[in-house]
Amino acid sequence: MPRSLQRELDVAVAAAEAGGRAALASFGMTLHVDWKSDDSPVSEADRAADAAIRASIDAAFPDDGVLSEESGARPGTSGRRWLIDPVDGTRAFLRGLPHWCTLVALEAGNEIVVSVLAFPSLGRVYRAARGHGAWRGETRLEIASPPALARCSLVLGEIDLIAAKLGSNGFLTLVRAVGSSSSYGAGYGARPSSSTARPMCGACCSRKRGPGTRTSTARRGGRAGAGSRRPRRSTARFWAFSLVRPRRRPRDLAP
């Protein structure tokens, strides 16, 4: 990987892991919960994770901008911007379910160039950099050739996003066409499942453009945090998946 992105990726991994540790310290506890204007919850765990992530990024790249799901936007002077969702899946977190994650991505030149998705309670970290593939730990991820839908597993993060994309009838048709279907919620439902990222959802991996390639409201100029417009519910996790789940087999994965 070019040195120009290696440091950014290292910082993103360290930031995501720091945020994960901060949230994990209160995982399973009864926490005070505030409710945002869109009826989504936020707890002290979200805020602690956000502070830890921002501290890591600010120390390494003070001139970069930051846009966080919880603490809002800080403009920068470098032309780059870090995108943060400190706890994606707060409802799962508050209920003691392990399928929440921490998301950190770097936007430069109006595209995502570095991205990290960490599952602190599961001990898993996914990382990617533009043009250099995606990794889970030391295992490189690749996109498998799509088999027949009957041999696929449909794994969902947010059912309403898929239903909105395909329509109710289209969604039911897809559920009936695949070999199995399930929903874990939050980012866990759309993560790459193995060293070969096998097709898990027609809306994510087929020729149709789906949630695995969506850009967030933040990437279109939306703002987050108190006093400003937050990215739409459930879009933040796709900052990471724009790298982890490309729409076609990327050239950088060639031998």
Protein backbone atom coordinates (compact mmCIF):
# COMPACT_ATOMS: atom_id res chain seq x y z
CA MET A 1 0.00 0.00 0.00
CA PRO A 2 1.35 3.49 -0.79
CA ARG A 3 2.73 5.32 2.22
CA SER A 4 0.29 8.12 1.44
CA LEU A 5 -2.60 5.94 2.61
CA GLN A 6 -0.90 3.58 5.04
CA ARG A 7 -0.76 6.12 7.85
CA GLU A 8 -4.37 7.12 7.30
CA LEU A 9 -5.47 3.50 7.42
CA ASP A 10 -3.43 2.84 10.57
CA VAL A 11 -4.99 5.87 12.25
CA ALA A 12 -8.49 4.82 11.16
CA VAL A 13 -7.98 1.34 12.63
CA ALA A 14 -6.57 2.76 15.87
CA ALA A 15 -9.43 5.28 16.11
CA ALA A 16 -12.12 2.66 15.52
CA GLU A 17 -10.54 0.34 18.09
CA ALA A 18 -10.26 3.19 20.61
CA GLY A 19 -13.91 4.04 20.10
CA GLY A 20 -14.83 0.40 20.44
CA ARG A 21 -12.99 0.08 23.75
CA ALA A 22 -14.69 3.21 25.06
CA ALA A 23 -18.14 1.85 24.19
CA LEU A 24 -17.35 -1.68 25.31
CA ALA A 25 -16.57 -0.41 28.82
CA SER A 26 -20.31 0.15 29.39
CA PHE A 27 -21.67 -2.63 27.19
CA GLY A 28 -24.26 -4.68 29.06
CA MET A 29 -24.90 -1.96 31.66
CA THR A 30 -28.06 0.04 32.20
CA LEU A 31 -27.39 3.43 30.67
CA HIS A 32 -29.20 6.73 30.51
CA VAL A 33 -30.66 7.20 27.03
CA ASP A 34 -31.55 10.42 25.25
CA TRP A 35 -33.81 10.39 22.21
CA LYS A 36 -33.02 12.42 19.12
CA SER A 37 -35.56 14.22 16.98
CA ASP A 38 -35.81 11.20 14.67
CA ASP A 39 -36.58 8.91 17.64
CA SER A 40 -33.18 7.20 17.52
CA PRO A 41 -31.42 6.65 20.87
CA VAL A 42 -28.05 7.98 22.01
CA SER A 43 -26.28 7.07 25.25
CA GLU A 44 -23.09 7.99 27.07
CA ALA A 45 -21.47 5.02 25.34
CA ASP A 46 -22.05 6.68 21.94
CA ARG A 47 -20.56 9.92 23.22
CA ALA A 48 -17.57 8.24 24.86
CA ALA A 49 -16.80 6.32 21.67
CA ASP A 50 -17.17 9.48 19.61
CA ALA A 51 -14.75 11.39 21.86
CA ALA A 52 -12.17 8.60 21.69
CA ILE A 53 -12.37 8.39 17.89
CA ARG A 54 -12.13 12.13 17.40
CA ALA A 55 -9.18 12.39 19.79
CA SER A 56 -7.25 9.83 17.74
CA ILE A 57 -8.01 11.57 14.46
CA ASP A 58 -7.41 15.09 15.77
CA ALA A 59 -4.02 14.11 17.15
CA ALA A 60 -2.89 12.62 13.83
CA PHE A 61 -4.57 14.91 11.30
CA PRO A 62 -5.56 18.22 12.93
CA ASP A 63 -6.10 19.92 9.56
CA ASP A 64 -8.70 17.39 8.35
CA GLY A 65 -12.41 18.00 8.69
CA VAL A 66 -14.66 15.70 10.71
CA LEU A 67 -18.33 14.78 10.38
CA SER A 68 -19.69 12.64 13.21
CA GLU A 69 -23.10 11.08 13.72
CA GLU A 70 -23.12 12.33 17.31
CA SER A 71 -20.97 15.46 17.64
CA GLY A 72 -21.52 17.07 14.29
CA ALA A 73 -19.18 18.73 11.84
CA ARG A 74 -15.82 20.41 12.23
CA PRO A 75 -14.49 22.03 9.07
CA GLY A 76 -10.90 21.44 8.03
CA THR A 77 -8.36 23.07 5.76
CA SER A 78 -6.87 20.00 4.05
CA GLY A 79 -9.79 19.23 1.72
CA ARG A 80 -10.30 15.86 3.43
CA ARG A 81 -13.01 14.80 5.87
CA TRP A 82 -13.34 11.95 8.36
CA LEU A 83 -16.78 10.34 8.70
CA ILE A 84 -17.66 8.73 12.03
CA ASP A 85 -20.48 6.64 13.43
CA PRO A 86 -19.20 5.78 16.92
CA VAL A 87 -21.85 3.13 17.65
CA ASP A 88 -23.78 1.90 14.65
CA GLY A 89 -26.56 -0.18 16.13
CA THR A 90 -27.21 1.70 19.37
CA ARG A 91 -30.46 -0.18 19.92
CA ALA A 92 -28.62 -3.51 19.72
CA PHE A 93 -25.94 -2.13 22.05
CA LEU A 94 -28.48 -1.04 24.64
CA ARG A 95 -30.16 -4.45 24.57
CA GLY A 96 -26.89 -6.31 25.09
CA LEU A 97 -26.75 -7.71 21.54
CA PRO A 98 -23.23 -7.97 20.07
CA HIS A 99 -24.00 -6.88 16.50
CA TRP A 100 -23.14 -3.20 16.89
CA CYS A 101 -20.07 -1.69 15.30
CA THR A 102 -17.84 1.36 15.07
CA LEU A 103 -17.37 3.03 11.68
CA VAL A 104 -14.57 5.35 10.60
CA ALA A 105 -13.94 6.48 7.02
CA LEU A 106 -11.86 9.11 5.24
CA GLU A 107 -13.28 11.12 2.35
CA ALA A 108 -10.90 12.82 -0.08
CA GLY A 109 -11.64 14.19 -3.51
CA ASN A 110 -15.35 13.47 -3.00
CA GLU A 111 -14.77 9.72 -2.61
CA ILE A 112 -14.11 7.32 0.27
CA VAL A 113 -10.42 6.36 0.27
CA VAL A 114 -10.02 4.64 3.66
CA SER A 115 -12.61 2.79 5.70
CA VAL A 116 -12.73 0.71 8.88
CA LEU A 117 -15.59 -1.28 10.39
CA ALA A 118 -14.97 -2.73 13.87
CA PHE A 119 -17.13 -5.08 15.94
CA PRO A 120 -15.64 -4.63 19.44
CA SER A 121 -17.78 -7.22 21.21
CA LEU A 122 -16.90 -9.82 18.55
CA GLY A 123 -13.22 -8.95 18.23
CA ARG A 124 -13.42 -8.38 14.47
CA VAL A 125 -12.05 -5.52 12.40
CA TYR A 126 -12.59 -4.96 8.68
CA ARG A 127 -10.42 -2.42 6.90
CA ALA A 128 -10.04 -1.17 3.34
CA ALA A 129 -8.29 1.48 1.29
CA ARG A 130 -9.23 2.66 -2.17
CA GLY A 131 -7.48 0.59 -4.81
CA HIS A 132 -5.93 -1.88 -2.36
CA GLY A 133 -8.71 -4.28 -1.43
CA ALA A 134 -10.45 -5.08 1.82
CA TRP A 135 -9.25 -7.13 4.77
CA ARG A 136 -10.60 -8.87 7.86
CA GLY A 137 -7.66 -9.10 10.19
CA GLU A 138 -4.91 -10.61 8.06
CA THR A 139 -7.33 -12.27 5.62
CA ARG A 140 -7.87 -10.54 2.31
CA LEU A 141 -11.46 -10.38 1.12
CA GLU A 142 -12.51 -11.05 -2.44
CA ILE A 143 -15.79 -10.98 -4.33
CA ALA A 144 -16.96 -14.43 -5.33
CA SER A 145 -18.62 -15.14 -8.65
CA PRO A 146 -22.38 -14.85 -8.08
CA PRO A 147 -24.12 -18.24 -7.98
CA ALA A 148 -27.81 -18.83 -8.51
CA LEU A 149 -29.98 -17.01 -5.97
CA ALA A 150 -31.15 -20.36 -4.59
CA ARG A 151 -27.60 -20.91 -3.33
CA CYS A 152 -27.32 -17.48 -1.72
CA SER A 153 -28.01 -16.35 1.82
CA LEU A 154 -29.93 -13.12 2.27
CA VAL A 155 -28.56 -11.34 5.36
CA LEU A 156 -30.10 -7.97 6.22
CA GLY A 157 -29.06 -5.06 8.34
CA GLU A 158 -32.22 -2.96 8.03
CA ILE A 159 -35.19 -4.61 6.35
CA ASP A 160 -36.87 -1.32 5.50
CA LEU A 161 -33.91 -0.19 3.38
CA ILE A 162 -34.10 -3.29 1.19
CA ALA A 163 -37.89 -3.11 1.00
CA ALA A 164 -37.72 0.55 0.00
CA LYS A 165 -35.24 -0.28 -2.76
CA LEU A 166 -37.06 -3.28 -4.17
CA GLY A 167 -40.65 -2.55 -3.17
CA SER A 168 -42.71 -4.88 -0.97
CA ASN A 169 -43.40 -7.38 -3.73
CA GLY A 170 -39.81 -7.32 -4.95
CA PHE A 171 -38.54 -7.88 -1.45
CA LEU A 172 -40.81 -10.88 -0.88
CA THR A 173 -39.79 -12.28 -4.27
CA LEU A 174 -36.13 -12.02 -3.26
CA VAL A 175 -36.73 -13.65 0.14
CA ARG A 176 -38.48 -16.57 -1.54
CA ALA A 177 -35.78 -16.91 -4.20
CA VAL A 178 -32.73 -17.25 -1.93
CA GLY A 179 -31.67 -20.35 -0.03
CA SER A 180 -32.03 -18.72 3.40
CA SER A 181 -32.72 -15.30 4.88
CA SER A 182 -32.07 -13.68 8.26
CA SER A 183 -31.57 -10.25 9.83
CA TYR A 184 -28.94 -9.31 12.41
CA GLY A 185 -29.45 -5.57 12.31
CA ALA A 186 -26.92 -2.73 12.23
CA GLY A 187 -23.71 -3.17 10.27
CA TYR A 188 -23.39 -6.88 11.09
CA GLY A 189 -26.14 -7.74 8.65
CA ALA A 190 -24.19 -6.46 5.64
CA ARG A 191 -20.61 -7.33 6.57
CA PRO A 192 -18.49 -9.59 4.36
CA SER A 193 -19.08 -13.06 5.78
CA SER A 194 -15.80 -14.86 5.03
CA SER A 195 -12.44 -14.61 3.31
CA THR A 196 -14.45 -14.78 0.10
CA ALA A 197 -17.25 -12.21 0.32
CA ARG A 198 -19.94 -14.41 -1.15
CA PRO A 199 -23.12 -12.88 -2.54
CA MET A 200 -25.39 -12.37 0.43
CA CYS A 201 -28.17 -10.27 -1.02
CA GLY A 202 -29.47 -9.55 -4.49
CA ALA A 203 -29.80 -5.89 -3.55
CA CYS A 204 -26.18 -5.74 -2.39
CA CYS A 205 -24.28 -7.89 -4.84
CA SER A 206 -26.22 -8.26 -8.06
CA ARG A 207 -25.97 -6.10 -11.16
CA LYS A 208 -28.55 -3.79 -9.59
CA ARG A 209 -27.12 -0.97 -7.53
CA GLY A 210 -28.12 -1.53 -3.91
CA PRO A 211 -27.34 -0.66 -0.30
CA GLY A 212 -23.82 -2.03 -0.56
CA THR A 213 -22.91 0.80 -2.93
CA ARG A 214 -25.01 3.64 -1.61
CA THR A 215 -23.44 6.89 -0.51
CA SER A 216 -24.56 8.56 2.67
CA THR A 217 -26.34 11.85 3.12
CA ALA A 218 -23.10 13.12 4.64
CA ARG A 219 -21.23 12.47 1.40
CA ARG A 220 -23.80 14.60 -0.39
CA GLY A 221 -23.15 17.49 1.96
CA GLY A 222 -25.48 16.67 4.85
CA ARG A 223 -24.44 17.63 8.38
CA ALA A 224 -24.71 15.70 11.62
CA GLY A 225 -25.08 16.34 15.32
CA ALA A 226 -26.95 18.75 17.53
CA GLY A 227 -28.30 21.76 15.71
CA SER A 228 -27.72 20.32 12.25
CA ARG A 229 -29.18 17.68 10.00
CA ARG A 230 -27.97 14.15 10.68
CA PRO A 231 -27.39 11.57 7.94
CA ARG A 232 -30.48 9.50 7.28
CA ARG A 233 -31.02 6.56 9.61
CA SER A 234 -28.92 3.53 8.77
CA THR A 235 -26.93 5.14 5.95
CA ALA A 236 -23.78 5.72 7.96
CA ARG A 237 -22.63 2.11 7.80
CA PHE A 238 -22.44 2.30 4.00
CA TRP A 239 -19.48 4.67 4.27
CA ALA A 240 -17.48 1.56 5.05
CA PHE A 241 -19.20 -0.85 2.68
CA SER A 242 -18.56 1.30 -0.37
CA LEU A 243 -15.05 -0.13 -0.13
CA VAL A 244 -15.72 -3.55 1.34
CA ARG A 245 -18.45 -4.43 -1.19
CA PRO A 246 -17.59 -3.06 -4.65
CA ARG A 247 -20.19 -3.49 -7.40
CA ARG A 248 -17.82 -5.44 -9.64
CA ARG A 249 -14.63 -7.42 -9.15
CA PRO A 250 -12.03 -4.69 -8.59
CA ARG A 251 -8.82 -4.59 -10.60
CA ASP A 252 -6.74 -4.40 -7.42
CA LEU A 253 -7.80 -7.96 -6.47
CA ALA A 254 -6.22 -9.45 -9.55
CA PRO A 255 -3.26 -11.79 -8.77
